[in-house]
Amino acid sequence: NAPTTVAAATMFRAHRAAWSTAAAAGVGCLSACRPPSSLAWDARRHRRPLLCEAPAAAARPPPPPFEKLFPPFDRDWDLRHPADDDVQPQGRTRVILFVRHGQYETKGGPGAGRLTELGREQARMAGRHIVARMRADPALKKGMLWMTSSALDRAVETADIMQAEIEAELAWVDVPVTAMPAELKVIFSRNIDADYAEMLVDEGCKPFVHKDPSNLLQPSVQIEAGSRIRVAISGGSSSSSAVPLSDVVGSSKFFSVHSSLALVKRLPERFEGFSCDGCETATMEDIHWSDHAENNSVLFCNDCFAKGPKHNKLKEGDTCSRTSHGELQSPFRAPNDKNLNEARPTQQIYDRRLRDKKDYGTLNSQILKDH
């Protein structure tokens, strides 16, 4: 109607005038809510300037500091985990980061379905972004537990590239400066990058172990002669002689010790769903099969096999001599999850009759049971 149209036109003219004034003053229309650099985060797909951005000659305001762009994670974001240790937390909170796969080849050819060069670059940048967040927030870094992906080629390749970036940072275990021995001395080794330098623990230092149960992947780390130490360059030293670590950490609250993630044994994916017939555990490093497993389907884990396998289906003299060994894998990378795959229209994952009858209670129960 006419009054609404007039009001809308008036509001539009007012907004246009305000944006024109901001552009003339050298302020982009988005600079008030996020830094201009975020418009070109992937370096290739957002190169054109916005129409309302200031002329090239106009000076832009400096971007906000890193701490303002990526503030530390608030563990009490749901008001269930107060900072006061005397207050009992109401359950556990699990933080889940979702990352979409990089750009992939949609046409035919041998690379169909795989990442393009831009897609691989996007995956590297996504991994480096998470690394930057972990460096800015040690609590987030210590809380890293595992990553997985769907079984699609483009998702697996994205996860592989990101895994390399993230695990390289997880290998540097953060240790509070207050936990280091006063006599710990280090020698300059090299500059890692523009932000960090690497030191080596002096030969005369006694080894000690730092324990931190809140670090889910590396709850303990040993520091001894020759250990690699990472410190911020602002507090670093290029001297070739041994100096106290306290002299090179500067104002930093943490220094980092290099300790690669210990590999774990996992069975091949084809044995998913198998459980030990002795203790019923589904977490097995190896499987010891009955001599007649093709008929009785009996198998045992390492512990039950070492104790002497017992089962009412075992025949006398059964040696369980055949073994399927697990493979050494990263503890951070979980097996690819088929439940994350894209469902095709022809796939009937659940009973369509339940959906047609709007029997969502039974349908939800089935989903919860399966996942």
Foldseek 3Di string as FASTA:
>chain_A
DVVVVVVVVVVVVVVVVVLLVCQQQQEHPCCVPANPVVQCLLVPDRDDDDPSGHDPPRDYDDGDDPCVVQPADDLCPVVQDDPDPVDDGDDDDDDDDDDDQFDAACDDDPRHQARDPSRLSVLLSVLVVVLVNCVNYVLVLLQQFADAAAPRNRGVSSVVNSCVSSQVSNQWRKDFPVPDDQPWKWFWDAAPDQWKTKTFTAQVDAKDKDAQVSRPQDRIDIHHGGWIKMATQVQADNDRDIDGPVSRNPPDRIITTGHHGFWDFDFPPVCQPDAAPPPRDRGAQKWQAWPVCVPVVHIHGPVCVVVPPDDPPHDPPTNSPDMGGTDTDGSHYDYHDNVNDDDDPPDDPDDVVCVVVVVVVVVVVVVVVVD
